[in-house]
Amino acid sequence: MVDQHFGERWRPLHKVVDEWPSDFFAPIPPTEYDQVLNLWQDAMEWSYYDQVLAGIKQRSCM
């Protein structure tokens, strides 16, 4: 596909790049923004917890 588009002018990336990228799968430290989003998500999920349990209990009693 690349040969069809560029002909013989292209070179593979490993011949062009001098420095290899860092580990793609290394853990990323959470930012303050990530922590706030996580807190909001937890709060939203827990706000539904009692309602869901009550619904399950009511459904199982029928």
Protein backbone atom coordinates (compact mmCIF):
# COMPACT_ATOMS: atom_id res chain seq x y z
CA MET A 1 0.00 0.00 0.00
CA VAL A 2 2.77 2.43 0.91
CA ASP A 3 4.73 1.45 -2.19
CA GLN A 4 1.71 2.20 -4.36
CA HIS A 5 1.24 5.63 -2.79
CA PHE A 6 4.86 6.81 -2.43
CA GLY A 7 6.69 4.56 -4.88
CA GLU A 8 10.30 3.96 -3.90
CA ARG A 9 10.67 7.30 -2.04
CA TRP A 10 9.53 6.15 1.41
CA ARG A 11 11.64 4.68 4.20
CA PRO A 12 10.47 2.55 7.14
CA LEU A 13 10.08 4.44 10.41
CA HIS A 14 12.77 2.42 12.18
CA LYS A 15 15.30 3.92 9.76
CA VAL A 16 14.12 7.49 10.33
CA VAL A 17 13.63 7.53 14.11
CA ASP A 18 16.78 7.99 16.17
CA GLU A 19 15.19 7.65 19.59
CA TRP A 20 12.72 4.92 20.55
CA PRO A 21 9.59 6.02 22.41
CA SER A 22 9.25 5.33 26.11
CA ASP A 23 7.30 2.32 27.34
CA PHE A 24 3.74 2.62 26.03
CA PHE A 25 2.34 0.44 28.80
CA ALA A 26 3.99 2.16 31.75
CA PRO A 27 1.52 3.35 34.39
CA ILE A 28 0.54 6.99 33.99
CA PRO A 29 0.38 9.01 37.20
CA PRO A 30 -3.13 10.44 37.62
CA THR A 31 -3.51 14.18 37.34
CA GLU A 32 -5.69 16.28 39.62
CA TYR A 33 -8.30 16.31 36.85
CA ASP A 34 -8.31 12.48 36.72
CA GLN A 35 -8.73 12.29 40.49
CA VAL A 36 -11.69 14.69 40.42
CA LEU A 37 -13.35 12.70 37.64
CA ASN A 38 -12.80 9.51 39.62
CA LEU A 39 -14.41 11.03 42.72
CA TRP A 40 -17.42 12.24 40.72
CA GLN A 41 -17.82 8.80 39.11
CA ASP A 42 -17.69 7.05 42.49
CA ALA A 43 -20.18 9.50 43.99
CA MET A 44 -22.59 9.02 41.09
CA GLU A 45 -22.38 5.22 41.28
CA TRP A 46 -22.90 5.16 45.05
CA SER A 47 -25.88 7.52 44.75
CA TYR A 48 -27.67 4.79 42.76
CA TYR A 49 -26.57 1.94 45.04
CA ASP A 50 -29.47 2.07 47.55
CA GLN A 51 -32.04 2.49 44.78
CA VAL A 52 -30.73 -0.51 42.89
CA LEU A 53 -30.64 -2.70 46.01
CA ALA A 54 -34.19 -1.65 46.92
CA GLY A 55 -35.34 -2.51 43.40
CA ILE A 56 -33.67 -5.94 43.55
CA LYS A 57 -35.20 -6.62 46.97
CA GLN A 58 -38.66 -5.56 45.80
CA ARG A 59 -38.37 -7.66 42.64
CA SER A 60 -37.26 -10.77 44.57
CA CYS A 61 -40.22 -10.51 46.98
CA MET A 62 -42.73 -10.78 44.12
